[in-house]
Amino acid sequence: MKKILLVSYSQTGQLTRLAQSFISPLQNRADILLEHLPLKPQQDYPFPWSFQRFFNTFPETVHLQPEPLAEFALAQEQYDLVVIAYSVWFLSPSQPITAFLQSGQAKKILKNTPVITLIGCRNMWLQAQEKMKKLLTDCQANLIGNVVKVDQCNDWASFITTPLWMLTGKKQAVNWLPTAGIAEEDIADMQRFGKQLLQFFAQNRPLDRTLFQGMGAVKIDEKLMMSEKVGARSFHIWGKILIKSGRFFPSFRTIMLYVYVVFLIAMILTVVPISALLKRLLKPLIQHKLDKQKRYFAEPSGE
C-alpha cells in the first residue's frame, strides 16, 4: 500500500480545490492510503486582508521567519510520497508552508522522501520555488515534480484583480475587470497529473524526476524572469529594513511600510516594463542564456 501525505494551506479555498483535483484519481482506492494535512496557524491570517496587515506580512515572509503553526499530528511515521500545495506570498512560499518545512516533524518525514510541489499563484513563482528547493534540501527531501497553475488574467490585469481579491474577498470586485484566480479548466487539468502518478504506481515504476516530464507541468514566462530577480532583491532589502525599523519603534515600521508601498508601485510601473523591454531588445544576444535559465527553472518536471 502506498502512503501519500498532502500538505496545504489555503485562505481562499482555490488552492484546496487545485490540490483536491490533483489527488482525485488517487482517492477511494484500497491500495493507496491518502492523508491530508491542512495547516492551521496559531493566529489565523485574515481573509479578506486589511491593507496594512497584508503588506506588513511581507518582511517576515521573504526572510522565512513565519508565524508559528498550531500543533498537528500525522498518522504515519513515514510516507512513500509527500505532496506540498502552496501559494506564493511576495515571491516566497506562504508563511504556513514555510513554518511546516522548518518544523521537526517535516524534517523527520521528508528525509529521503519523494516530494511533489503544486503551486497556484498570480503569475510569478520562480523565486518562491527557489526558496522551496532550499527548504526541501534542508529537510533532505527529494523533489521529483512541480506543477504550476497561474491566474487566468494577463499580467497587467492580474496586477489589479489579485490585490482587489485579497483586500475585498471578491474575485470580481468591479464589473469592468476580469475575474481573478485560476481558470476552472486549469483546476480540472490537475487530474491529468494525478492520473499520471496513479499510472506510475500501477506499473510499479520508481518515483523520480521523469514523473511529469513532457506533460507541460510548468510554463516559464521568460519576460518575467528578470523582473522576478529584481523584485526578490527588493523584497529582501526592504524586508530587512522594515524588520529592523520595528525593533526600534513599531510606529516607525508602519511609516516605513507606507514608504515601501509607494516604492513598490513605482517599481512595478517602471522597472517591470523597462526590464521586459530590455529583455526583448537584447533577446537575440542573450537567447542562449535565457533558454538555459528556462530549462533550469522548469526542473524537475520541465515545460
C-alpha atoms as a PDB file:
ATOM      1  CA  MET A   1       0.000   0.000   0.000  1.00  0.00           C
ATOM      2  CA  LYS A   2       1.278   3.432  -0.969  1.00  0.00           C
ATOM      3  CA  LYS A   3       1.142   6.095   1.726  1.00  0.00           C
ATOM      4  CA  ILE A   4       0.698   9.663   0.479  1.00  0.00           C
ATOM      5  CA  LEU A   5       0.626  12.849   2.539  1.00  0.00           C
ATOM      6  CA  LEU A   6      -0.882  16.055   1.124  1.00  0.00           C
ATOM      7  CA  VAL A   7       0.167  19.240   2.934  1.00  0.00           C
ATOM      8  CA  SER A   8      -1.575  22.506   2.089  1.00  0.00           C
ATOM      9  CA  TYR A   9      -2.644  25.917   3.307  1.00  0.00           C
ATOM     10  CA  SER A  10      -5.352  27.885   1.519  1.00  0.00           C
ATOM     11  CA  GLN A  11      -7.015  31.138   2.513  1.00  0.00           C
ATOM     12  CA  THR A  12      -9.440  31.480  -0.389  1.00  0.00           C
ATOM     13  CA  GLY A  13     -10.110  27.786  -0.978  1.00  0.00           C
ATOM     14  CA  GLN A  14      -8.712  27.931  -4.514  1.00  0.00           C
ATOM     15  CA  LEU A  15      -5.518  26.064  -3.646  1.00  0.00           C
ATOM     16  CA  THR A  16      -7.535  23.415  -1.814  1.00  0.00           C
ATOM     17  CA  ARG A  17      -9.591  22.828  -4.960  1.00  0.00           C
ATOM     18  CA  LEU A  18      -6.389  22.658  -7.028  1.00  0.00           C
ATOM     19  CA  ALA A  19      -4.888  20.046  -4.711  1.00  0.00           C
ATOM     20  CA  GLN A  20      -8.130  18.067  -4.485  1.00  0.00           C
ATOM     21  CA  SER A  21      -8.295  17.936  -8.276  1.00  0.00           C
ATOM     22  CA  PHE A  22      -4.757  16.543  -8.363  1.00  0.00           C
ATOM     23  CA  ILE A  23      -5.421  13.786  -5.817  1.00  0.00           C
ATOM     24  CA  SER A  24      -8.941  12.892  -7.027  1.00  0.00           C
ATOM     25  CA  PRO A  25      -7.724   9.938  -9.194  1.00  0.00           C
ATOM     26  CA  LEU A  26      -5.969   8.533  -6.101  1.00  0.00           C
ATOM     27  CA  GLN A  27      -8.935   8.657  -3.753  1.00  0.00           C
ATOM     28  CA  ASN A  28     -11.091   5.719  -2.648  1.00  0.00           C
ATOM     29  CA  ARG A  29      -8.519   3.125  -3.638  1.00  0.00           C
ATOM     30  CA  ALA A  30      -7.699   0.120  -1.478  1.00  0.00           C
ATOM     31  CA  ASP A  31      -4.025   0.242  -2.476  1.00  0.00           C
ATOM     32  CA  ILE A  32      -3.478   3.912  -1.563  1.00  0.00           C
ATOM     33  CA  LEU A  33      -3.613   5.481   1.887  1.00  0.00           C
ATOM     34  CA  LEU A  34      -4.128   9.217   1.437  1.00  0.00           C
ATOM     35  CA  GLU A  35      -3.762  11.665   4.325  1.00  0.00           C
ATOM     36  CA  HIS A  36      -4.449  15.409   4.089  1.00  0.00           C
ATOM     37  CA  LEU A  37      -2.816  17.865   6.479  1.00  0.00           C
ATOM     38  CA  PRO A  38      -4.425  21.325   6.153  1.00  0.00           C
ATOM     39  CA  LEU A  39      -2.109  23.624   8.080  1.00  0.00           C
ATOM     40  CA  LYS A  40      -3.510  25.990  10.694  1.00  0.00           C
ATOM     41  CA  PRO A  41      -1.544  28.962  12.052  1.00  0.00           C
ATOM     42  CA  GLN A  42      -1.776  29.637  15.770  1.00  0.00           C
ATOM     43  CA  GLN A  43      -3.240  33.005  14.812  1.00  0.00           C
ATOM     44  CA  ASP A  44      -5.246  32.926  11.599  1.00  0.00           C
ATOM     45  CA  TYR A  45      -4.323  35.213   8.745  1.00  0.00           C
ATOM     46  CA  PRO A  46      -7.358  37.313   7.825  1.00  0.00           C
ATOM     47  CA  PHE A  47      -9.260  36.957   4.598  1.00  0.00           C
ATOM     48  CA  PRO A  48     -10.011  39.372   3.169  1.00  0.00           C
ATOM     49  CA  TRP A  49      -6.883  41.133   4.329  1.00  0.00           C
ATOM     50  CA  SER A  50      -6.709  44.657   5.669  1.00  0.00           C
ATOM     51  CA  PHE A  51      -4.371  46.848   3.612  1.00  0.00           C
ATOM     52  CA  GLN A  52      -1.792  47.321   6.378  1.00  0.00           C
ATOM     53  CA  ARG A  53      -1.837  43.702   7.578  1.00  0.00           C
ATOM     54  CA  PHE A  54      -1.357  42.451   4.031  1.00  0.00           C
ATOM     55  CA  PHE A  55       1.806  44.439   3.366  1.00  0.00           C
ATOM     56  CA  ASN A  56       3.064  44.153   6.934  1.00  0.00           C
ATOM     57  CA  THR A  57       3.246  40.382   6.422  1.00  0.00           C
ATOM     58  CA  PHE A  58       5.863  40.595   3.702  1.00  0.00           C
ATOM     59  CA  PRO A  59       9.119  41.221   5.646  1.00  0.00           C
ATOM     60  CA  GLU A  60       8.927  38.024   7.690  1.00  0.00           C
ATOM     61  CA  THR A  61       7.586  36.108   4.682  1.00  0.00           C
ATOM     62  CA  VAL A  62      10.536  36.887   2.412  1.00  0.00           C
ATOM     63  CA  HIS A  63      13.041  36.304   5.221  1.00  0.00           C
ATOM     64  CA  LEU A  64      11.460  32.924   6.023  1.00  0.00           C
ATOM     65  CA  GLN A  65      10.508  33.917   9.572  1.00  0.00           C
ATOM     66  CA  PRO A  66       6.928  32.623   9.716  1.00  0.00           C
ATOM     67  CA  GLU A  67       4.332  32.837  12.453  1.00  0.00           C
ATOM     68  CA  PRO A  68       4.057  29.517  14.343  1.00  0.00           C
ATOM     69  CA  LEU A  69       1.591  26.800  13.410  1.00  0.00           C
ATOM     70  CA  ALA A  70      -0.979  25.188  15.641  1.00  0.00           C
ATOM     71  CA  GLU A  71       0.126  21.743  16.760  1.00  0.00           C
ATOM     72  CA  PHE A  72      -0.533  18.969  14.282  1.00  0.00           C
ATOM     73  CA  ALA A  73      -0.227  15.204  14.338  1.00  0.00           C
ATOM     74  CA  LEU A  74       0.469  12.801  11.493  1.00  0.00           C
ATOM     75  CA  ALA A  75      -0.999   9.320  11.245  1.00  0.00           C
ATOM     76  CA  GLN A  76       2.149   7.758   9.791  1.00  0.00           C
ATOM     77  CA  GLU A  77       5.815   7.930  10.692  1.00  0.00           C
ATOM     78  CA  GLN A  78       6.894   7.738   7.056  1.00  0.00           C
ATOM     79  CA  TYR A  79       5.288   8.232   3.633  1.00  0.00           C
ATOM     80  CA  ASP A  80       6.035   6.993   0.142  1.00  0.00           C
ATOM     81  CA  LEU A  81       5.239  10.446  -1.251  1.00  0.00           C
ATOM     82  CA  VAL A  82       4.555  13.935   0.130  1.00  0.00           C
ATOM     83  CA  VAL A  83       2.626  16.466  -1.952  1.00  0.00           C
ATOM     84  CA  ILE A  84       3.020  20.098  -0.884  1.00  0.00           C
ATOM     85  CA  ALA A  85       0.460  22.535  -2.303  1.00  0.00           C
ATOM     86  CA  TYR A  86       1.324  26.166  -1.737  1.00  0.00           C
ATOM     87  CA  SER A  87       0.534  29.681  -2.837  1.00  0.00           C
ATOM     88  CA  VAL A  88       3.086  32.436  -3.386  1.00  0.00           C
ATOM     89  CA  TRP A  89       3.333  35.344  -0.963  1.00  0.00           C
ATOM     90  CA  PHE A  90       5.699  38.121  -2.058  1.00  0.00           C
ATOM     91  CA  LEU A  91       7.754  35.786  -4.276  1.00  0.00           C
ATOM     92  CA  SER A  92       8.086  33.329  -1.382  1.00  0.00           C
ATOM     93  CA  PRO A  93       6.193  30.296  -0.117  1.00  0.00           C
ATOM     94  CA  SER A  94       3.293  31.249   2.148  1.00  0.00           C
ATOM     95  CA  GLN A  95       4.224  31.526   5.813  1.00  0.00           C
ATOM     96  CA  PRO A  96       2.329  28.392   6.976  1.00  0.00           C
ATOM     97  CA  ILE A  97       4.135  26.248   4.393  1.00  0.00           C
ATOM     98  CA  THR A  98       7.489  27.693   5.445  1.00  0.00           C
ATOM     99  CA  ALA A  99       6.651  27.045   9.113  1.00  0.00           C
ATOM    100  CA  PHE A 100       5.803  23.433   8.304  1.00  0.00           C
ATOM    101  CA  LEU A 101       9.041  22.863   6.394  1.00  0.00           C
ATOM    102  CA  GLN A 102      11.041  24.308   9.292  1.00  0.00           C
ATOM    103  CA  SER A 103       9.351  22.019  11.824  1.00  0.00           C
ATOM    104  CA  GLY A 104      10.915  18.952  13.365  1.00  0.00           C
ATOM    105  CA  GLN A 105       8.061  16.773  12.074  1.00  0.00           C
ATOM    106  CA  ALA A 106       8.717  17.859   8.488  1.00  0.00           C
ATOM    107  CA  LYS A 107      12.434  17.179   8.746  1.00  0.00           C
ATOM    108  CA  LYS A 108      11.655  13.698  10.014  1.00  0.00           C
ATOM    109  CA  ILE A 109       9.070  12.625   7.427  1.00  0.00           C
ATOM    110  CA  LEU A 110      10.654  14.362   4.433  1.00  0.00           C
ATOM    111  CA  LYS A 111      14.122  12.879   4.819  1.00  0.00           C
ATOM    112  CA  ASN A 112      14.881  10.810   1.707  1.00  0.00           C
ATOM    113  CA  THR A 113      11.203  11.072   0.675  1.00  0.00           C
ATOM    114  CA  PRO A 114       9.938  11.954  -2.838  1.00  0.00           C
ATOM    115  CA  VAL A 115       8.123  15.317  -2.888  1.00  0.00           C
ATOM    116  CA  ILE A 116       5.816  16.918  -5.452  1.00  0.00           C
ATOM    117  CA  THR A 117       5.068  20.637  -5.228  1.00  0.00           C
ATOM    118  CA  LEU A 118       1.821  22.128  -6.530  1.00  0.00           C
ATOM    119  CA  ILE A 119       1.713  25.901  -6.991  1.00  0.00           C
ATOM    120  CA  GLY A 120      -1.308  28.129  -7.503  1.00  0.00           C
ATOM    121  CA  CYS A 121      -0.420  31.811  -7.920  1.00  0.00           C
ATOM    122  CA  ARG A 122      -0.859  35.042  -9.871  1.00  0.00           C
ATOM    123  CA  ASN A 123       1.987  34.758 -12.373  1.00  0.00           C
ATOM    124  CA  MET A 124       5.365  34.872 -10.600  1.00  0.00           C
ATOM    125  CA  TRP A 125       6.575  31.706  -8.854  1.00  0.00           C
ATOM    126  CA  LEU A 126      10.198  31.083  -9.871  1.00  0.00           C
ATOM    127  CA  GLN A 127      11.825  32.744  -6.869  1.00  0.00           C
ATOM    128  CA  ALA A 128       9.330  31.155  -4.476  1.00  0.00           C
ATOM    129  CA  GLN A 129      10.231  27.736  -5.852  1.00  0.00           C
ATOM    130  CA  GLU A 130      13.928  28.513  -5.399  1.00  0.00           C
ATOM    131  CA  LYS A 131      13.246  29.092  -1.704  1.00  0.00           C
ATOM    132  CA  MET A 132      11.131  25.948  -1.627  1.00  0.00           C
ATOM    133  CA  LYS A 133      14.037  23.960  -3.070  1.00  0.00           C
ATOM    134  CA  LYS A 134      16.325  25.229  -0.315  1.00  0.00           C
ATOM    135  CA  LEU A 135      13.787  24.390   2.396  1.00  0.00           C
ATOM    136  CA  LEU A 136      13.381  20.885   0.960  1.00  0.00           C
ATOM    137  CA  THR A 137      17.137  20.443   0.730  1.00  0.00           C
ATOM    138  CA  ASP A 138      17.415  21.389   4.396  1.00  0.00           C
ATOM    139  CA  CYS A 139      14.930  18.566   5.090  1.00  0.00           C
ATOM    140  CA  GLN A 140      16.948  16.192   2.850  1.00  0.00           C
ATOM    141  CA  ALA A 141      13.833  15.663   0.723  1.00  0.00           C
ATOM    142  CA  ASN A 142      13.856  14.577  -2.930  1.00  0.00           C
ATOM    143  CA  LEU A 143      11.930  16.970  -5.189  1.00  0.00           C
ATOM    144  CA  ILE A 144      10.692  14.902  -8.140  1.00  0.00           C
ATOM    145  CA  GLY A 145       7.936  17.042  -9.643  1.00  0.00           C
ATOM    146  CA  ASN A 146       6.413  20.509  -9.797  1.00  0.00           C
ATOM    147  CA  VAL A 147       3.054  21.522 -11.293  1.00  0.00           C
ATOM    148  CA  VAL A 148       2.101  25.189 -11.613  1.00  0.00           C
ATOM    149  CA  LYS A 149      -1.197  26.882 -12.441  1.00  0.00           C
ATOM    150  CA  VAL A 150      -1.412  30.672 -12.738  1.00  0.00           C
ATOM    151  CA  ASP A 151      -4.192  33.251 -12.892  1.00  0.00           C
ATOM    152  CA  GLN A 152      -6.343  33.414 -15.998  1.00  0.00           C
ATOM    153  CA  CYS A 153      -5.885  37.215 -16.302  1.00  0.00           C
ATOM    154  CA  ASN A 154      -2.992  38.729 -18.195  1.00  0.00           C
ATOM    155  CA  ASP A 155      -0.072  40.173 -16.220  1.00  0.00           C
ATOM    156  CA  TRP A 156      -1.333  43.749 -16.024  1.00  0.00           C
ATOM    157  CA  ALA A 157      -4.954  42.876 -15.304  1.00  0.00           C
ATOM    158  CA  SER A 158      -3.969  40.489 -12.516  1.00  0.00           C
ATOM    159  CA  PHE A 159      -1.799  43.246 -11.027  1.00  0.00           C
ATOM    160  CA  ILE A 160      -5.136  44.898 -10.155  1.00  0.00           C
ATOM    161  CA  THR A 161      -7.545  41.984  -9.806  1.00  0.00           C
ATOM    162  CA  THR A 162      -5.467  39.843  -7.435  1.00  0.00           C
ATOM    163  CA  PRO A 163      -4.856  42.577  -4.800  1.00  0.00           C
ATOM    164  CA  LEU A 164      -8.547  43.523  -5.022  1.00  0.00           C
ATOM    165  CA  TRP A 165      -9.475  39.891  -4.379  1.00  0.00           C
ATOM    166  CA  MET A 166      -7.170  39.751  -1.363  1.00  0.00           C
ATOM    167  CA  LEU A 167      -8.445  43.051   0.065  1.00  0.00           C
ATOM    168  CA  THR A 168     -12.182  42.640  -0.680  1.00  0.00           C
ATOM    169  CA  GLY A 169     -12.698  38.878  -0.723  1.00  0.00           C
ATOM    170  CA  LYS A 170     -14.342  39.163  -4.162  1.00  0.00           C
ATOM    171  CA  LYS A 171     -12.834  37.523  -7.240  1.00  0.00           C
ATOM    172  CA  GLN A 172     -14.503  40.160  -9.404  1.00  0.00           C
ATOM    173  CA  ALA A 173     -14.521  43.273  -7.246  1.00  0.00           C
ATOM    174  CA  VAL A 174     -15.760  45.518 -10.087  1.00  0.00           C
ATOM    175  CA  ASN A 175     -17.736  44.532 -13.166  1.00  0.00           C
ATOM    176  CA  TRP A 176     -15.385  46.047 -15.737  1.00  0.00           C
ATOM    177  CA  LEU A 177     -12.422  43.943 -14.581  1.00  0.00           C
ATOM    178  CA  PRO A 178     -11.897  40.245 -15.412  1.00  0.00           C
ATOM    179  CA  THR A 179     -12.307  37.603 -12.730  1.00  0.00           C
ATOM    180  CA  ALA A 180      -9.239  36.939 -10.623  1.00  0.00           C
ATOM    181  CA  GLY A 181      -7.893  33.485  -9.946  1.00  0.00           C
ATOM    182  CA  ILE A 182      -7.081  30.295 -11.809  1.00  0.00           C
ATOM    183  CA  ALA A 183      -9.432  29.203 -14.597  1.00  0.00           C
ATOM    184  CA  GLU A 184     -11.751  26.281 -13.923  1.00  0.00           C
ATOM    185  CA  GLU A 185     -10.287  24.287 -16.811  1.00  0.00           C
ATOM    186  CA  ASP A 186      -6.810  24.643 -15.308  1.00  0.00           C
ATOM    187  CA  ILE A 187      -8.048  23.408 -11.943  1.00  0.00           C
ATOM    188  CA  ALA A 188      -9.690  20.428 -13.661  1.00  0.00           C
ATOM    189  CA  ASP A 189      -6.473  19.786 -15.624  1.00  0.00           C
ATOM    190  CA  MET A 190      -4.699  18.878 -12.381  1.00  0.00           C
ATOM    191  CA  GLN A 191      -6.421  15.498 -12.579  1.00  0.00           C
ATOM    192  CA  ARG A 192      -4.202  14.669 -15.538  1.00  0.00           C
ATOM    193  CA  PHE A 193      -1.140  14.728 -13.290  1.00  0.00           C
ATOM    194  CA  GLY A 194      -2.855  12.697 -10.592  1.00  0.00           C
ATOM    195  CA  LYS A 195      -3.660  10.054 -13.208  1.00  0.00           C
ATOM    196  CA  GLN A 196      -0.027  10.019 -14.298  1.00  0.00           C
ATOM    197  CA  LEU A 197       1.042   9.413 -10.720  1.00  0.00           C
ATOM    198  CA  LEU A 198      -1.506   6.618 -10.422  1.00  0.00           C
ATOM    199  CA  GLN A 199      -0.109   5.040 -13.591  1.00  0.00           C
ATOM    200  CA  PHE A 200       3.410   5.071 -12.114  1.00  0.00           C
ATOM    201  CA  PHE A 201       2.066   3.266  -9.065  1.00  0.00           C
ATOM    202  CA  ALA A 202       0.175   0.733 -11.194  1.00  0.00           C
ATOM    203  CA  GLN A 203       3.299  -0.025 -13.224  1.00  0.00           C
ATOM    204  CA  ASN A 204       5.423  -0.158 -10.060  1.00  0.00           C
ATOM    205  CA  ARG A 205       7.756   2.437 -11.527  1.00  0.00           C
ATOM    206  CA  PRO A 206      10.100   4.364  -9.200  1.00  0.00           C
ATOM    207  CA  LEU A 207       9.059   7.912  -8.353  1.00  0.00           C
ATOM    208  CA  ASP A 208      11.706  10.086  -9.935  1.00  0.00           C
ATOM    209  CA  ARG A 209      12.105  13.269 -11.989  1.00  0.00           C
ATOM    210  CA  THR A 210      10.659  11.630 -15.119  1.00  0.00           C
ATOM    211  CA  LEU A 211       7.195  11.587 -13.495  1.00  0.00           C
ATOM    212  CA  PHE A 212       5.702  14.668 -15.196  1.00  0.00           C
ATOM    213  CA  GLN A 213       8.250  15.336 -17.924  1.00  0.00           C
ATOM    214  CA  GLY A 214       6.714  16.101 -21.307  1.00  0.00           C
ATOM    215  CA  MET A 215       3.316  16.902 -19.775  1.00  0.00           C
ATOM    216  CA  GLY A 216       3.523  20.704 -19.720  1.00  0.00           C
ATOM    217  CA  ALA A 217       3.556  20.790 -15.931  1.00  0.00           C
ATOM    218  CA  VAL A 218       5.011  24.311 -15.861  1.00  0.00           C
ATOM    219  CA  LYS A 219       5.247  27.213 -18.262  1.00  0.00           C
ATOM    220  CA  ILE A 220       8.110  29.684 -17.941  1.00  0.00           C
ATOM    221  CA  ASP A 221       7.318  33.275 -18.931  1.00  0.00           C
ATOM    222  CA  GLU A 222      10.801  34.429 -19.873  1.00  0.00           C
ATOM    223  CA  LYS A 223       9.874  38.116 -19.869  1.00  0.00           C
ATOM    224  CA  LEU A 224       9.191  37.869 -16.120  1.00  0.00           C
ATOM    225  CA  MET A 225      12.434  36.132 -15.141  1.00  0.00           C
ATOM    226  CA  MET A 226      14.432  39.355 -14.786  1.00  0.00           C
ATOM    227  CA  SER A 227      11.523  41.124 -13.078  1.00  0.00           C
ATOM    228  CA  GLU A 228      11.316  38.351 -10.505  1.00  0.00           C
ATOM    229  CA  LYS A 229      15.009  38.608  -9.683  1.00  0.00           C
ATOM    230  CA  VAL A 230      14.763  42.383  -9.270  1.00  0.00           C
ATOM    231  CA  GLY A 231      11.623  42.012  -7.173  1.00  0.00           C
ATOM    232  CA  ALA A 232      13.175  39.339  -4.955  1.00  0.00           C
ATOM    233  CA  ARG A 233      16.227  41.526  -4.254  1.00  0.00           C
ATOM    234  CA  SER A 234      13.983  44.489  -3.478  1.00  0.00           C
ATOM    235  CA  PHE A 235      11.794  42.443  -1.137  1.00  0.00           C
ATOM    236  CA  HIS A 236      14.871  41.113   0.674  1.00  0.00           C
ATOM    237  CA  ILE A 237      16.375  44.570   1.215  1.00  0.00           C
ATOM    238  CA  TRP A 238      13.128  46.282   2.198  1.00  0.00           C
ATOM    239  CA  GLY A 239      12.118  43.353   4.365  1.00  0.00           C
ATOM    240  CA  LYS A 240      15.348  43.695   6.347  1.00  0.00           C
ATOM    241  CA  ILE A 241      14.815  47.457   6.682  1.00  0.00           C
ATOM    242  CA  LEU A 242      11.257  47.008   7.955  1.00  0.00           C
ATOM    243  CA  ILE A 243      12.175  44.270  10.439  1.00  0.00           C
ATOM    244  CA  LYS A 244      14.962  46.438  11.881  1.00  0.00           C
ATOM    245  CA  SER A 245      12.688  49.506  11.900  1.00  0.00           C
ATOM    246  CA  GLY A 246      10.155  47.662  14.055  1.00  0.00           C
ATOM    247  CA  ARG A 247      12.832  46.760  16.591  1.00  0.00           C
ATOM    248  CA  PHE A 248      13.394  50.453  17.303  1.00  0.00           C
ATOM    249  CA  PHE A 249       9.826  51.768  17.171  1.00  0.00           C
ATOM    250  CA  PRO A 250       6.737  49.823  15.978  1.00  0.00           C
ATOM    251  CA  SER A 251       5.245  53.069  14.657  1.00  0.00           C
ATOM    252  CA  PHE A 252       8.399  53.693  12.609  1.00  0.00           C
ATOM    253  CA  ARG A 253       7.906  50.338  10.904  1.00  0.00           C
ATOM    254  CA  THR A 254       4.381  51.430   9.950  1.00  0.00           C
ATOM    255  CA  ILE A 255       5.674  54.682   8.460  1.00  0.00           C
ATOM    256  CA  MET A 256       8.385  52.866   6.529  1.00  0.00           C
ATOM    257  CA  LEU A 257       5.815  50.321   5.355  1.00  0.00           C
ATOM    258  CA  TYR A 258       3.812  53.012   3.571  1.00  0.00           C
ATOM    259  CA  VAL A 259       7.024  54.384   2.063  1.00  0.00           C
ATOM    260  CA  TYR A 260       7.713  50.889   0.777  1.00  0.00           C
ATOM    261  CA  VAL A 261       4.229  50.545  -0.757  1.00  0.00           C
ATOM    262  CA  VAL A 262       4.785  53.733  -2.763  1.00  0.00           C
ATOM    263  CA  PHE A 263       8.196  52.429  -3.820  1.00  0.00           C
ATOM    264  CA  LEU A 264       6.715  49.059  -4.806  1.00  0.00           C
ATOM    265  CA  ILE A 265       4.037  50.609  -7.003  1.00  0.00           C
ATOM    266  CA  ALA A 266       6.617  52.854  -8.659  1.00  0.00           C
ATOM    267  CA  MET A 267       8.907  49.876  -9.267  1.00  0.00           C
ATOM    268  CA  ILE A 268       6.120  47.806 -10.819  1.00  0.00           C
ATOM    269  CA  LEU A 269       5.120  50.666 -13.114  1.00  0.00           C
ATOM    270  CA  THR A 270       8.690  51.410 -14.206  1.00  0.00           C
ATOM    271  CA  VAL A 271      11.226  48.634 -13.579  1.00  0.00           C
ATOM    272  CA  VAL A 272       8.985  45.759 -14.687  1.00  0.00           C
ATOM    273  CA  PRO A 273       8.128  47.189 -18.149  1.00  0.00           C
ATOM    274  CA  ILE A 274      11.664  48.517 -18.635  1.00  0.00           C
ATOM    275  CA  SER A 275      13.222  45.143 -17.814  1.00  0.00           C
ATOM    276  CA  ALA A 276      10.746  43.438 -20.147  1.00  0.00           C
ATOM    277  CA  LEU A 277      11.625  45.907 -22.918  1.00  0.00           C
ATOM    278  CA  LEU A 278      15.366  45.450 -22.377  1.00  0.00           C
ATOM    279  CA  LYS A 279      14.991  41.715 -22.474  1.00  0.00           C
ATOM    280  CA  ARG A 280      13.069  41.937 -25.738  1.00  0.00           C
ATOM    281  CA  LEU A 281      15.689  44.224 -27.312  1.00  0.00           C
ATOM    282  CA  LEU A 282      18.579  42.080 -26.118  1.00  0.00           C
ATOM    283  CA  LYS A 283      16.864  38.769 -26.767  1.00  0.00           C
ATOM    284  CA  PRO A 284      18.850  37.895 -29.930  1.00  0.00           C
ATOM    285  CA  LEU A 285      22.090  38.359 -27.947  1.00  0.00           C
ATOM    286  CA  ILE A 286      21.058  36.534 -24.779  1.00  0.00           C
ATOM    287  CA  GLN A 287      18.719  33.866 -26.138  1.00  0.00           C
ATOM    288  CA  HIS A 288      21.108  31.069 -25.251  1.00  0.00           C
ATOM    289  CA  LYS A 289      21.300  32.310 -21.650  1.00  0.00           C
ATOM    290  CA  LEU A 290      17.517  32.698 -21.484  1.00  0.00           C
ATOM    291  CA  ASP A 291      16.991  29.166 -22.758  1.00  0.00           C
ATOM    292  CA  LYS A 292      19.415  27.824 -20.155  1.00  0.00           C
ATOM    293  CA  GLN A 293      17.623  29.728 -17.381  1.00  0.00           C
ATOM    294  CA  LYS A 294      14.235  28.486 -18.571  1.00  0.00           C
ATOM    295  CA  ARG A 295      15.412  24.871 -18.528  1.00  0.00           C
ATOM    296  CA  TYR A 296      16.774  25.352 -15.024  1.00  0.00           C
ATOM    297  CA  PHE A 297      13.610  26.954 -13.610  1.00  0.00           C
ATOM    298  CA  ALA A 298      11.411  24.349 -15.312  1.00  0.00           C
ATOM    299  CA  GLU A 299      13.120  21.473 -13.496  1.00  0.00           C
ATOM    300  CA  PRO A 300      12.344  18.840 -12.401  1.00  0.00           C
ATOM    301  CA  SER A 301       9.165  18.475 -14.468  1.00  0.00           C
ATOM    302  CA  GLY A 302      10.087  20.564 -17.493  1.00  0.00           C
ATOM    303  CA  GLU A 303       7.809  22.580 -19.717  1.00  0.00           C
END
